[in-house]
Amino acid sequence: MSTTTDLIRLGASYRRDGVDPGKLESDPLAQFRHWHDEWLGTGPAAGQAAVLATADIHGRPSARWVDVAYVDHGFVFFTNYGSRKSADLAVNPQAALCFGWLEVGRQVRAEGGIARLTDVESDAFFAGLPRGVQLLSWASDQRRVVGDRDVLQAQLAQAGDRFSGQEVPRPAHWGGYRLTPEEVEFWQRRTDEIQDRFRYRREIVGDGWRSAQIAP
């Protein structure tokens, strides 16, 4: 899909037809992939973006955009282990993701526990990143205040010199996390403003999912 007109038409059809409960997948991750593929088909500028919410040991929340790299049995993203979100997750390994596909009137929320990926998983993803991104992971320390962009440019140049003529290895302070959902909610705006909301929930990881329509 390539035009604004097409996107408006698609959103209008979603809002008119709503969600047919009989066509929902039994697994919310399968349902997410279905909706996400439809969203990617519109050619969005940031198709992998979601808001990640975490809280520190005192319960103070913080939120930021992250790119969800892929979805397997959970939602996977990568970051600097020195970042605030990583500090939050070290003491409170629970988080929420919110995908907002507002142009077509859809939202997906996922909540659950988070754990680091294995080194092998993080190494495999890092190896496929553009070299510039790999070098930036070495040059940038998200815990530090920098004077200006010139400092960052200098650090990036130093990283480039350090790994000149060789592959860039993954730094130990960079890697992935997986949010394994315990609850996933799908929201669809409707023309009559009686929005469709469907929630999947399970109490124990490995148990089957229970789905229900909930009030808007």
N, C-alpha and C. Protein backbone atom coordinates (compact mmCIF):
# COMPACT_ATOMS: atom_id res chain seq x y z
N MET A 1 0.86 -1.18 0.00
CA MET A 1 0.00 0.00 0.00
C MET A 1 0.89 1.23 0.00
N SER A 2 0.63 2.19 -0.89
CA SER A 2 1.61 3.25 -1.08
C SER A 2 1.03 4.65 -0.96
N THR A 3 -0.27 4.82 -0.90
CA THR A 3 -0.82 6.16 -0.89
C THR A 3 -1.61 6.42 0.39
N THR A 4 -1.70 7.72 0.72
CA THR A 4 -2.49 8.12 1.87
C THR A 4 -3.95 7.73 1.69
N THR A 5 -4.43 7.82 0.47
CA THR A 5 -5.82 7.45 0.18
C THR A 5 -6.06 5.98 0.50
N ASP A 6 -5.11 5.11 0.12
CA ASP A 6 -5.24 3.69 0.42
C ASP A 6 -5.28 3.44 1.93
N LEU A 7 -4.43 4.16 2.67
CA LEU A 7 -4.37 3.99 4.11
C LEU A 7 -5.67 4.43 4.76
N ILE A 8 -6.21 5.54 4.31
CA ILE A 8 -7.49 6.02 4.83
C ILE A 8 -8.60 5.02 4.54
N ARG A 9 -8.58 4.45 3.35
CA ARG A 9 -9.61 3.48 2.97
C ARG A 9 -9.51 2.23 3.84
N LEU A 10 -8.29 1.77 4.10
CA LEU A 10 -8.10 0.59 4.93
C LEU A 10 -8.59 0.85 6.35
N GLY A 11 -8.21 2.01 6.91
CA GLY A 11 -8.65 2.34 8.25
C GLY A 11 -10.16 2.42 8.34
N ALA A 12 -10.79 2.98 7.31
CA ALA A 12 -12.25 3.09 7.30
C ALA A 12 -12.91 1.71 7.29
N SER A 13 -12.32 0.76 6.55
CA SER A 13 -12.90 -0.58 6.50
C SER A 13 -12.76 -1.28 7.85
N TYR A 14 -11.61 -1.10 8.52
CA TYR A 14 -11.43 -1.69 9.85
C TYR A 14 -12.46 -1.12 10.83
N ARG A 15 -12.63 0.20 10.79
CA ARG A 15 -13.56 0.84 11.73
C ARG A 15 -15.01 0.45 11.43
N ARG A 16 -15.31 0.21 10.18
CA ARG A 16 -16.68 -0.17 9.80
C ARG A 16 -16.95 -1.63 10.17
N ASP A 17 -16.04 -2.54 9.84
CA ASP A 17 -16.29 -3.97 10.00
C ASP A 17 -15.95 -4.48 11.39
N GLY A 18 -15.01 -3.83 12.08
CA GLY A 18 -14.63 -4.26 13.41
C GLY A 18 -13.93 -5.61 13.42
N VAL A 19 -13.95 -6.24 14.57
CA VAL A 19 -13.26 -7.52 14.77
C VAL A 19 -14.29 -8.63 14.91
N ASP A 20 -14.15 -9.66 14.09
CA ASP A 20 -15.03 -10.83 14.18
C ASP A 20 -14.44 -11.80 15.19
N PRO A 21 -15.08 -11.99 16.35
CA PRO A 21 -14.51 -12.89 17.37
C PRO A 21 -14.26 -14.30 16.84
N GLY A 22 -15.06 -14.74 15.90
CA GLY A 22 -14.90 -16.08 15.37
C GLY A 22 -13.66 -16.27 14.51
N LYS A 23 -13.03 -15.17 14.11
CA LYS A 23 -11.85 -15.24 13.27
C LYS A 23 -10.56 -14.95 14.02
N LEU A 24 -10.66 -14.72 15.32
CA LEU A 24 -9.46 -14.46 16.11
C LEU A 24 -8.66 -15.76 16.30
N GLU A 25 -7.35 -15.64 16.27
CA GLU A 25 -6.48 -16.79 16.54
C GLU A 25 -6.59 -17.19 18.01
N SER A 26 -6.34 -18.46 18.31
CA SER A 26 -6.37 -18.91 19.70
C SER A 26 -5.14 -18.45 20.48
N ASP A 27 -4.06 -18.14 19.76
CA ASP A 27 -2.81 -17.68 20.37
C ASP A 27 -2.65 -16.19 20.05
N PRO A 28 -2.48 -15.33 21.07
CA PRO A 28 -2.38 -13.90 20.79
C PRO A 28 -1.15 -13.51 19.98
N LEU A 29 -0.07 -14.28 20.07
CA LEU A 29 1.11 -13.96 19.28
C LEU A 29 0.85 -14.20 17.80
N ALA A 30 0.07 -15.23 17.48
CA ALA A 30 -0.33 -15.46 16.09
C ALA A 30 -1.25 -14.33 15.63
N GLN A 31 -2.16 -13.89 16.50
CA GLN A 31 -3.06 -12.79 16.16
C GLN A 31 -2.27 -11.50 15.97
N PHE A 32 -1.27 -11.29 16.83
CA PHE A 32 -0.42 -10.12 16.68
C PHE A 32 0.29 -10.12 15.33
N ARG A 33 0.86 -11.26 14.94
CA ARG A 33 1.57 -11.32 13.67
C ARG A 33 0.63 -10.98 12.51
N HIS A 34 -0.60 -11.44 12.60
CA HIS A 34 -1.58 -11.16 11.55
C HIS A 34 -1.83 -9.65 11.45
N TRP A 35 -2.11 -9.01 12.57
CA TRP A 35 -2.34 -7.57 12.55
C TRP A 35 -1.07 -6.81 12.16
N HIS A 36 0.06 -7.26 12.67
CA HIS A 36 1.31 -6.55 12.38
C HIS A 36 1.67 -6.64 10.91
N ASP A 37 1.47 -7.80 10.30
CA ASP A 37 1.73 -7.95 8.86
C ASP A 37 0.84 -7.00 8.06
N GLU A 38 -0.41 -6.87 8.47
CA GLU A 38 -1.30 -5.94 7.79
C GLU A 38 -0.80 -4.51 7.95
N TRP A 39 -0.31 -4.18 9.14
CA TRP A 39 0.23 -2.84 9.38
C TRP A 39 1.48 -2.60 8.53
N LEU A 40 2.39 -3.55 8.48
CA LEU A 40 3.60 -3.40 7.67
C LEU A 40 3.26 -3.25 6.20
N GLY A 41 2.15 -3.84 5.78
CA GLY A 41 1.72 -3.72 4.39
C GLY A 41 1.34 -2.31 3.99
N THR A 42 1.12 -1.44 4.98
CA THR A 42 0.79 -0.04 4.66
C THR A 42 2.05 0.80 4.42
N GLY A 43 3.23 0.21 4.63
CA GLY A 43 4.47 0.95 4.43
C GLY A 43 4.72 2.02 5.47
N PRO A 44 4.55 1.72 6.77
CA PRO A 44 4.72 2.75 7.80
C PRO A 44 6.18 3.16 7.93
N ALA A 45 6.40 4.36 8.46
CA ALA A 45 7.76 4.88 8.62
C ALA A 45 8.52 4.11 9.70
N ALA A 46 7.83 3.65 10.73
CA ALA A 46 8.48 2.95 11.84
C ALA A 46 7.63 1.73 12.20
N GLY A 47 7.66 0.75 11.34
CA GLY A 47 6.76 -0.39 11.49
C GLY A 47 7.03 -1.27 12.70
N GLN A 48 8.25 -1.21 13.26
CA GLN A 48 8.59 -2.06 14.40
C GLN A 48 8.45 -1.34 15.73
N ALA A 49 8.04 -0.08 15.71
CA ALA A 49 8.09 0.74 16.91
C ALA A 49 6.96 0.42 17.88
N ALA A 50 7.29 0.46 19.17
CA ALA A 50 6.32 0.30 20.25
C ALA A 50 6.82 1.09 21.44
N VAL A 51 5.91 1.47 22.31
CA VAL A 51 6.28 2.14 23.56
C VAL A 51 6.51 1.07 24.62
N LEU A 52 7.69 1.10 25.24
CA LEU A 52 8.02 0.18 26.32
C LEU A 52 7.94 0.93 27.64
N ALA A 53 7.13 0.43 28.56
CA ALA A 53 6.99 1.02 29.89
C ALA A 53 7.63 0.12 30.93
N THR A 54 8.46 0.72 31.78
CA THR A 54 9.11 0.00 32.87
C THR A 54 8.92 0.81 34.15
N ALA A 55 9.31 0.23 35.27
CA ALA A 55 9.26 0.95 36.54
C ALA A 55 10.48 0.55 37.37
N ASP A 56 10.97 1.50 38.17
CA ASP A 56 12.15 1.22 38.98
C ASP A 56 11.74 0.56 40.30
N ILE A 57 12.70 0.38 41.19
CA ILE A 57 12.45 -0.33 42.44
C ILE A 57 11.44 0.41 43.32
N HIS A 58 11.28 1.71 43.11
CA HIS A 58 10.33 2.51 43.88
C HIS A 58 8.98 2.63 43.20
N GLY A 59 8.82 1.98 42.05
CA GLY A 59 7.56 2.04 41.33
C GLY A 59 7.42 3.25 40.42
N ARG A 60 8.47 4.04 40.26
CA ARG A 60 8.41 5.21 39.37
C ARG A 60 8.48 4.74 37.92
N PRO A 61 7.47 5.07 37.12
CA PRO A 61 7.44 4.57 35.75
C PRO A 61 8.26 5.41 34.79
N SER A 62 8.65 4.81 33.69
CA SER A 62 9.25 5.54 32.57
C SER A 62 8.86 4.80 31.30
N ALA A 63 8.79 5.54 30.22
CA ALA A 63 8.38 4.96 28.94
C ALA A 63 9.19 5.56 27.82
N ARG A 64 9.39 4.75 26.77
CA ARG A 64 10.15 5.23 25.61
C ARG A 64 9.83 4.32 24.43
N TRP A 65 10.09 4.86 23.22
CA TRP A 65 9.92 4.04 22.02
C TRP A 65 11.09 3.08 21.89
N VAL A 66 10.78 1.86 21.49
CA VAL A 66 11.81 0.89 21.12
C VAL A 66 11.38 0.22 19.82
N ASP A 67 12.34 -0.37 19.13
CA ASP A 67 12.02 -1.20 17.96
C ASP A 67 11.94 -2.65 18.42
N VAL A 68 10.79 -3.27 18.20
CA VAL A 68 10.65 -4.69 18.49
C VAL A 68 11.24 -5.44 17.30
N ALA A 69 12.37 -6.07 17.52
CA ALA A 69 13.14 -6.67 16.42
C ALA A 69 12.42 -7.85 15.79
N TYR A 70 11.84 -8.70 16.63
CA TYR A 70 11.09 -9.85 16.11
C TYR A 70 10.21 -10.41 17.22
N VAL A 71 9.30 -11.28 16.80
CA VAL A 71 8.37 -11.92 17.74
C VAL A 71 8.48 -13.42 17.55
N ASP A 72 8.83 -14.14 18.62
CA ASP A 72 8.84 -15.60 18.59
C ASP A 72 7.82 -16.07 19.63
N HIS A 73 8.27 -16.55 20.78
CA HIS A 73 7.33 -16.84 21.86
C HIS A 73 7.20 -15.65 22.80
N GLY A 74 7.74 -14.53 22.36
CA GLY A 74 7.64 -13.27 23.08
C GLY A 74 8.04 -12.13 22.16
N PHE A 75 8.12 -10.93 22.72
CA PHE A 75 8.47 -9.74 21.97
C PHE A 75 9.92 -9.38 22.30
N VAL A 76 10.77 -9.32 21.29
CA VAL A 76 12.21 -9.17 21.48
C VAL A 76 12.69 -7.79 21.04
N PHE A 77 13.46 -7.14 21.90
CA PHE A 77 14.08 -5.85 21.55
C PHE A 77 15.51 -5.84 22.08
N PHE A 78 16.30 -4.90 21.56
CA PHE A 78 17.72 -4.83 21.92
C PHE A 78 18.05 -3.43 22.42
N THR A 79 19.04 -3.36 23.32
CA THR A 79 19.36 -2.08 23.92
C THR A 79 20.73 -2.14 24.59
N ASN A 80 21.14 -0.99 25.11
CA ASN A 80 22.34 -0.89 25.92
C ASN A 80 21.98 -1.32 27.35
N TYR A 81 22.76 -2.23 27.91
CA TYR A 81 22.46 -2.72 29.26
C TYR A 81 22.73 -1.66 30.34
N GLY A 82 23.31 -0.54 29.94
CA GLY A 82 23.51 0.55 30.89
C GLY A 82 22.40 1.58 30.85
N SER A 83 21.38 1.36 30.03
CA SER A 83 20.29 2.33 29.88
C SER A 83 19.38 2.31 31.10
N ARG A 84 18.51 3.33 31.19
CA ARG A 84 17.57 3.39 32.30
C ARG A 84 16.61 2.20 32.27
N LYS A 85 16.15 1.84 31.06
CA LYS A 85 15.21 0.71 31.00
C LYS A 85 15.86 -0.56 31.50
N SER A 86 17.14 -0.74 31.19
CA SER A 86 17.84 -1.93 31.68
C SER A 86 18.00 -1.89 33.20
N ALA A 87 18.27 -0.69 33.74
CA ALA A 87 18.37 -0.56 35.20
C ALA A 87 17.04 -0.89 35.85
N ASP A 88 15.94 -0.41 35.26
CA ASP A 88 14.61 -0.73 35.78
C ASP A 88 14.37 -2.24 35.75
N LEU A 89 14.68 -2.86 34.62
CA LEU A 89 14.40 -4.28 34.45
C LEU A 89 15.27 -5.16 35.36
N ALA A 90 16.43 -4.65 35.75
CA ALA A 90 17.29 -5.42 36.65
C ALA A 90 16.66 -5.59 38.02
N VAL A 91 15.87 -4.60 38.46
CA VAL A 91 15.26 -4.66 39.79
C VAL A 91 13.77 -4.98 39.73
N ASN A 92 13.16 -4.81 38.56
CA ASN A 92 11.72 -5.04 38.41
C ASN A 92 11.48 -5.60 37.01
N PRO A 93 11.70 -6.90 36.82
CA PRO A 93 11.66 -7.49 35.47
C PRO A 93 10.25 -7.73 34.95
N GLN A 94 9.43 -6.69 35.04
CA GLN A 94 8.08 -6.70 34.48
C GLN A 94 7.95 -5.45 33.61
N ALA A 95 7.24 -5.57 32.50
CA ALA A 95 7.13 -4.42 31.61
C ALA A 95 5.87 -4.53 30.76
N ALA A 96 5.59 -3.47 30.03
CA ALA A 96 4.44 -3.44 29.12
C ALA A 96 4.88 -2.81 27.81
N LEU A 97 4.33 -3.32 26.72
CA LEU A 97 4.54 -2.76 25.39
C LEU A 97 3.20 -2.28 24.84
N CYS A 98 3.24 -1.17 24.12
CA CYS A 98 2.03 -0.66 23.48
C CYS A 98 2.36 -0.31 22.03
N PHE A 99 1.69 -0.98 21.10
CA PHE A 99 1.81 -0.70 19.67
C PHE A 99 0.63 0.16 19.27
N GLY A 100 0.88 1.34 18.73
CA GLY A 100 -0.19 2.24 18.34
C GLY A 100 -0.21 2.46 16.84
N TRP A 101 -1.11 1.79 16.16
CA TRP A 101 -1.25 1.93 14.71
C TRP A 101 -2.46 2.82 14.45
N LEU A 102 -2.30 4.09 14.80
CA LEU A 102 -3.43 5.01 14.91
C LEU A 102 -4.08 5.33 13.57
N GLU A 103 -3.28 5.29 12.50
CA GLU A 103 -3.85 5.60 11.18
C GLU A 103 -4.94 4.61 10.78
N VAL A 104 -4.87 3.41 11.30
CA VAL A 104 -5.91 2.42 10.98
C VAL A 104 -6.76 2.09 12.21
N GLY A 105 -6.61 2.90 13.26
CA GLY A 105 -7.46 2.74 14.43
C GLY A 105 -7.22 1.48 15.23
N ARG A 106 -5.96 1.04 15.34
CA ARG A 106 -5.67 -0.19 16.07
C ARG A 106 -4.59 0.05 17.14
N GLN A 107 -4.72 -0.72 18.21
CA GLN A 107 -3.72 -0.71 19.28
C GLN A 107 -3.58 -2.13 19.82
N VAL A 108 -2.35 -2.49 20.16
CA VAL A 108 -2.09 -3.76 20.82
C VAL A 108 -1.24 -3.49 22.05
N ARG A 109 -1.66 -4.05 23.19
CA ARG A 109 -0.88 -3.93 24.42
C ARG A 109 -0.49 -5.32 24.91
N ALA A 110 0.74 -5.42 25.42
CA ALA A 110 1.23 -6.69 25.95
C ALA A 110 1.93 -6.43 27.28
N GLU A 111 1.66 -7.28 28.26
CA GLU A 111 2.28 -7.15 29.58
C GLU A 111 2.84 -8.50 30.00
N GLY A 112 3.97 -8.46 30.71
CA GLY A 112 4.54 -9.72 31.18
C GLY A 112 5.94 -9.55 31.72
N GLY A 113 6.54 -10.68 32.07
CA GLY A 113 7.90 -10.67 32.57
C GLY A 113 8.92 -10.55 31.46
N ILE A 114 10.09 -10.05 31.82
CA ILE A 114 11.16 -9.83 30.84
C ILE A 114 12.43 -10.50 31.32
N ALA A 115 13.15 -11.10 30.40
CA ALA A 115 14.45 -11.71 30.69
C ALA A 115 15.41 -11.41 29.56
N ARG A 116 16.70 -11.38 29.88
CA ARG A 116 17.71 -11.17 28.85
C ARG A 116 17.78 -12.38 27.92
N LEU A 117 18.12 -12.10 26.67
CA LEU A 117 18.41 -13.18 25.73
C LEU A 117 19.74 -13.83 26.09
N THR A 118 19.98 -14.99 25.56
CA THR A 118 21.29 -15.61 25.72
C THR A 118 22.32 -14.84 24.90
N ASP A 119 23.58 -15.01 25.23
CA ASP A 119 24.64 -14.37 24.45
C ASP A 119 24.59 -14.82 22.99
N VAL A 120 24.28 -16.08 22.76
CA VAL A 120 24.21 -16.59 21.39
C VAL A 120 23.13 -15.86 20.60
N GLU A 121 21.96 -15.65 21.21
CA GLU A 121 20.88 -14.94 20.52
C GLU A 121 21.26 -13.50 20.23
N SER A 122 21.87 -12.83 21.21
CA SER A 122 22.26 -11.44 21.01
C SER A 122 23.38 -11.32 19.97
N ASP A 123 24.33 -12.26 20.01
CA ASP A 123 25.42 -12.25 19.02
C ASP A 123 24.86 -12.40 17.60
N ALA A 124 23.90 -13.29 17.44
CA ALA A 124 23.34 -13.55 16.11
C ALA A 124 22.65 -12.31 15.55
N PHE A 125 21.91 -11.61 16.39
CA PHE A 125 21.23 -10.41 15.90
C PHE A 125 22.23 -9.30 15.63
N PHE A 126 23.18 -9.11 16.51
CA PHE A 126 24.18 -8.05 16.35
C PHE A 126 24.95 -8.22 15.05
N ALA A 127 25.25 -9.45 14.70
CA ALA A 127 26.03 -9.71 13.50
C ALA A 127 25.33 -9.23 12.23
N GLY A 128 24.02 -9.13 12.26
CA GLY A 128 23.28 -8.70 11.08
C GLY A 128 23.01 -7.21 11.01
N LEU A 129 23.47 -6.45 12.01
CA LEU A 129 23.24 -5.01 12.02
C LEU A 129 24.20 -4.29 11.07
N PRO A 130 23.81 -3.12 10.55
CA PRO A 130 24.75 -2.32 9.76
C PRO A 130 25.99 -1.97 10.59
N ARG A 131 27.12 -1.88 9.94
CA ARG A 131 28.37 -1.63 10.67
C ARG A 131 28.31 -0.35 11.48
N GLY A 132 27.68 0.68 10.94
CA GLY A 132 27.58 1.95 11.66
C GLY A 132 26.85 1.81 12.98
N VAL A 133 25.81 1.00 12.99
CA VAL A 133 25.06 0.75 14.22
C VAL A 133 25.91 -0.06 15.20
N GLN A 134 26.65 -1.01 14.68
CA GLN A 134 27.54 -1.81 15.53
C GLN A 134 28.58 -0.91 16.22
N LEU A 135 29.17 -0.01 15.44
CA LEU A 135 30.19 0.88 16.01
C LEU A 135 29.59 1.82 17.04
N LEU A 136 28.38 2.29 16.79
CA LEU A 136 27.72 3.19 17.73
C LEU A 136 27.47 2.49 19.06
N SER A 137 27.22 1.19 19.02
CA SER A 137 26.99 0.46 20.27
C SER A 137 28.24 0.46 21.15
N TRP A 138 29.41 0.55 20.53
CA TRP A 138 30.66 0.67 21.28
C TRP A 138 30.91 2.10 21.73
N ALA A 139 30.52 3.07 20.91
CA ALA A 139 30.86 4.46 21.18
C ALA A 139 29.93 5.13 22.18
N SER A 140 28.70 4.67 22.28
CA SER A 140 27.69 5.35 23.09
C SER A 140 27.51 4.67 24.45
N ASP A 141 27.63 5.46 25.50
CA ASP A 141 27.36 4.98 26.86
C ASP A 141 26.16 5.76 27.37
N GLN A 142 25.00 5.11 27.44
CA GLN A 142 23.77 5.82 27.77
C GLN A 142 23.72 6.31 29.22
N ARG A 143 24.69 5.94 30.03
CA ARG A 143 24.72 6.42 31.41
C ARG A 143 25.42 7.76 31.54
N ARG A 144 26.14 8.19 30.49
CA ARG A 144 27.00 9.37 30.59
C ARG A 144 26.36 10.59 29.95
N VAL A 145 26.67 11.75 30.53
CA VAL A 145 26.33 13.03 29.91
C VAL A 145 27.46 13.40 28.97
N VAL A 146 27.10 13.87 27.76
CA VAL A 146 28.12 14.29 26.81
C VAL A 146 27.95 15.78 26.53
N GLY A 147 29.07 16.42 26.23
CA GLY A 147 29.01 17.87 26.02
C GLY A 147 28.25 18.25 24.76
N ASP A 148 28.51 17.56 23.66
CA ASP A 148 27.86 17.87 22.40
C ASP A 148 28.06 16.71 21.43
N ARG A 149 27.55 16.88 20.20
CA ARG A 149 27.65 15.82 19.21
C ARG A 149 29.09 15.55 18.79
N ASP A 150 29.95 16.57 18.90
CA ASP A 150 31.34 16.38 18.51
C ASP A 150 32.00 15.28 19.36
N VAL A 151 31.61 15.22 20.65
CA VAL A 151 32.17 14.17 21.53
C VAL A 151 31.75 12.80 21.02
N LEU A 152 30.48 12.68 20.66
CA LEU A 152 29.99 11.40 20.14
C LEU A 152 30.65 11.03 18.83
N GLN A 153 30.82 12.03 17.96
CA GLN A 153 31.48 11.77 16.68
C GLN A 153 32.91 11.30 16.89
N ALA A 154 33.60 11.89 17.87
CA ALA A 154 34.97 11.48 18.15
C ALA A 154 35.02 10.05 18.69
N GLN A 155 34.08 9.73 19.57
CA GLN A 155 34.04 8.38 20.12
C GLN A 155 33.71 7.36 19.04
N LEU A 156 32.83 7.75 18.12
CA LEU A 156 32.49 6.86 17.01
C LEU A 156 33.70 6.64 16.11
N ALA A 157 34.47 7.69 15.86
CA ALA A 157 35.67 7.57 15.05
C ALA A 157 36.69 6.66 15.72
N GLN A 158 36.81 6.77 17.05
CA GLN A 158 37.73 5.90 17.78
C GLN A 158 37.33 4.43 17.66
N ALA A 159 36.02 4.18 17.74
CA ALA A 159 35.54 2.81 17.59
C ALA A 159 35.82 2.29 16.19
N GLY A 160 35.67 3.17 15.18
CA GLY A 160 35.96 2.77 13.82
C GLY A 160 37.42 2.41 13.63
N ASP A 161 38.30 3.20 14.26
CA ASP A 161 39.73 2.91 14.17
C ASP A 161 40.06 1.60 14.90
N ARG A 162 39.42 1.39 16.02
CA ARG A 162 39.71 0.20 16.82
C ARG A 162 39.41 -1.10 16.07
N PHE A 163 38.32 -1.07 15.29
CA PHE A 163 37.91 -2.29 14.60
C PHE A 163 38.14 -2.21 13.09
N SER A 164 39.03 -1.34 12.68
CA SER A 164 39.32 -1.19 11.26
C SER A 164 39.81 -2.51 10.67
N GLY A 165 39.23 -2.90 9.54
CA GLY A 165 39.66 -4.10 8.85
C GLY A 165 39.21 -5.40 9.48
N GLN A 166 38.28 -5.34 10.43
CA GLN A 166 37.80 -6.57 11.06
C GLN A 166 36.32 -6.45 11.38
N GLU A 167 35.69 -7.59 11.67
CA GLU A 167 34.30 -7.56 12.07
C GLU A 167 34.17 -6.94 13.46
N VAL A 168 33.05 -6.27 13.68
CA VAL A 168 32.81 -5.62 14.97
C VAL A 168 32.13 -6.63 15.89
N PRO A 169 32.75 -6.98 17.01
CA PRO A 169 32.11 -7.92 17.94
C PRO A 169 31.04 -7.21 18.77
N ARG A 170 30.12 -7.97 19.29
CA ARG A 170 29.09 -7.38 20.15
C ARG A 170 29.72 -7.01 21.50
N PRO A 171 29.53 -5.76 21.93
CA PRO A 171 30.03 -5.39 23.27
C PRO A 171 29.20 -6.06 24.35
N ALA A 172 29.82 -6.33 25.47
CA ALA A 172 29.14 -7.03 26.57
C ALA A 172 28.00 -6.20 27.15
N HIS A 173 28.05 -4.87 26.93
CA HIS A 173 27.02 -4.00 27.50
C HIS A 173 25.81 -3.82 26.57
N TRP A 174 25.74 -4.59 25.51
CA TRP A 174 24.64 -4.47 24.56
C TRP A 174 24.04 -5.84 24.30
N GLY A 175 22.70 -5.91 24.27
CA GLY A 175 22.07 -7.19 23.99
C GLY A 175 20.56 -7.10 24.02
N GLY A 176 19.93 -8.26 24.03
CA GLY A 176 18.48 -8.30 23.87
C GLY A 176 17.72 -8.71 25.11
N TYR A 177 16.42 -8.37 25.07
CA TYR A 177 15.47 -8.80 26.08
C TYR A 177 14.26 -9.41 25.37
N ARG A 178 13.59 -10.29 26.08
CA ARG A 178 12.34 -10.85 25.57
C ARG A 178 11.24 -10.65 26.61
N LEU A 179 10.16 -9.99 26.19
CA LEU A 179 8.97 -9.90 27.02
C LEU A 179 8.08 -11.09 26.69
N THR A 180 7.90 -11.96 27.67
CA THR A 180 7.01 -13.12 27.48
C THR A 180 5.64 -12.73 28.03
N PRO A 181 4.65 -12.58 27.16
CA PRO A 181 3.39 -11.99 27.61
C PRO A 181 2.57 -12.90 28.52
N GLU A 182 1.95 -12.25 29.48
CA GLU A 182 0.95 -12.90 30.33
C GLU A 182 -0.45 -12.38 29.99
N GLU A 183 -0.48 -11.22 29.34
CA GLU A 183 -1.75 -10.65 28.91
C GLU A 183 -1.50 -9.82 27.64
N VAL A 184 -2.38 -9.99 26.66
CA VAL A 184 -2.30 -9.23 25.41
C VAL A 184 -3.70 -8.73 25.08
N GLU A 185 -3.80 -7.46 24.74
CA GLU A 185 -5.10 -6.87 24.41
C GLU A 185 -5.07 -6.25 23.01
N PHE A 186 -6.10 -6.52 22.24
CA PHE A 186 -6.27 -5.96 20.90
C PHE A 186 -7.45 -4.98 20.93
N TRP A 187 -7.22 -3.81 20.37
CA TRP A 187 -8.22 -2.74 20.39
C TRP A 187 -8.44 -2.23 18.96
N GLN A 188 -9.69 -2.16 18.58
CA GLN A 188 -10.04 -1.67 17.25
C GLN A 188 -11.08 -0.57 17.37
N ARG A 189 -10.76 0.60 16.83
CA ARG A 189 -11.73 1.70 16.81
C ARG A 189 -12.86 1.35 15.86
N ARG A 190 -14.08 1.74 16.26
CA ARG A 190 -15.26 1.50 15.44
C ARG A 190 -15.93 2.82 15.06
N THR A 191 -16.59 2.82 13.92
CA THR A 191 -17.26 4.02 13.43
C THR A 191 -18.28 4.53 14.42
N ASP A 192 -18.98 3.62 15.10
CA ASP A 192 -20.01 4.05 16.07
C ASP A 192 -19.43 4.36 17.44
N GLU A 193 -18.10 4.34 17.57
CA GLU A 193 -17.37 4.65 18.80
C GLU A 193 -17.57 3.60 19.90
N ILE A 194 -18.22 2.47 19.60
CA ILE A 194 -18.25 1.34 20.53
C ILE A 194 -17.10 0.43 20.14
N GLN A 195 -15.93 0.72 20.69
CA GLN A 195 -14.70 0.09 20.23
C GLN A 195 -14.68 -1.40 20.57
N ASP A 196 -14.00 -2.18 19.73
CA ASP A 196 -13.81 -3.61 19.99
C ASP A 196 -12.55 -3.80 20.82
N ARG A 197 -12.67 -4.55 21.92
CA ARG A 197 -11.51 -4.89 22.76
C ARG A 197 -11.56 -6.38 23.07
N PHE A 198 -10.45 -7.05 22.79
CA PHE A 198 -10.34 -8.47 23.07
C PHE A 198 -9.06 -8.71 23.87
N ARG A 199 -9.20 -9.42 24.96
CA ARG A 199 -8.08 -9.67 25.86
C ARG A 199 -7.77 -11.16 25.96
N TYR A 200 -6.48 -11.47 25.82
CA TYR A 200 -5.98 -12.82 26.05
C TYR A 200 -5.21 -12.80 27.38
N ARG A 201 -5.41 -13.82 28.20
CA ARG A 201 -4.74 -13.84 29.49
C ARG A 201 -4.43 -15.28 29.88
N ARG A 202 -3.27 -15.45 30.54
CA ARG A 202 -2.97 -16.74 31.17
C ARG A 202 -2.24 -16.46 32.47
N GLU A 203 -2.51 -17.30 33.46
CA GLU A 203 -1.96 -17.07 34.79
C GLU A 203 -0.56 -17.66 34.93
N ILE A 204 -0.29 -18.78 34.22
CA ILE A 204 0.99 -19.47 34.34
C ILE A 204 1.57 -19.67 32.94
N VAL A 205 2.85 -19.31 32.76
CA VAL A 205 3.50 -19.51 31.48
C VAL A 205 3.46 -20.99 31.10
N GLY A 206 3.01 -21.27 29.89
CA GLY A 206 2.87 -22.65 29.45
C GLY A 206 1.44 -23.12 29.45
N ASP A 207 0.59 -22.45 30.26
CA ASP A 207 -0.83 -22.78 30.24
C ASP A 207 -1.46 -22.22 28.98
N GLY A 208 -2.67 -22.71 28.65
CA GLY A 208 -3.37 -22.19 27.50
C GLY A 208 -3.90 -20.78 27.73
N TRP A 209 -4.22 -20.11 26.67
CA TRP A 209 -4.73 -18.74 26.73
C TRP A 209 -6.25 -18.75 26.88
N ARG A 210 -6.76 -17.81 27.66
CA ARG A 210 -8.18 -17.57 27.76
C ARG A 210 -8.46 -16.20 27.15
N SER A 211 -9.39 -16.15 26.23
CA SER A 211 -9.70 -14.87 25.56
C SER A 211 -11.12 -14.45 25.90
N ALA A 212 -11.34 -13.14 25.89
CA ALA A 212 -12.67 -12.61 26.19
C ALA A 212 -12.80 -11.23 25.57
N GLN A 213 -14.01 -10.89 25.19
CA GLN A 213 -14.28 -9.52 24.76
C GLN A 213 -14.57 -8.70 26.00
N ILE A 214 -13.99 -7.51 26.08
CA ILE A 214 -14.19 -6.67 27.25
C ILE A 214 -14.77 -5.33 26.81
N ALA A 215 -15.39 -4.65 27.75
CA ALA A 215 -16.10 -3.42 27.44
C ALA A 215 -15.12 -2.33 27.00
N PRO A 216 -15.58 -1.45 26.10
CA PRO A 216 -14.71 -0.37 25.67
C PRO A 216 -14.57 0.66 26.75
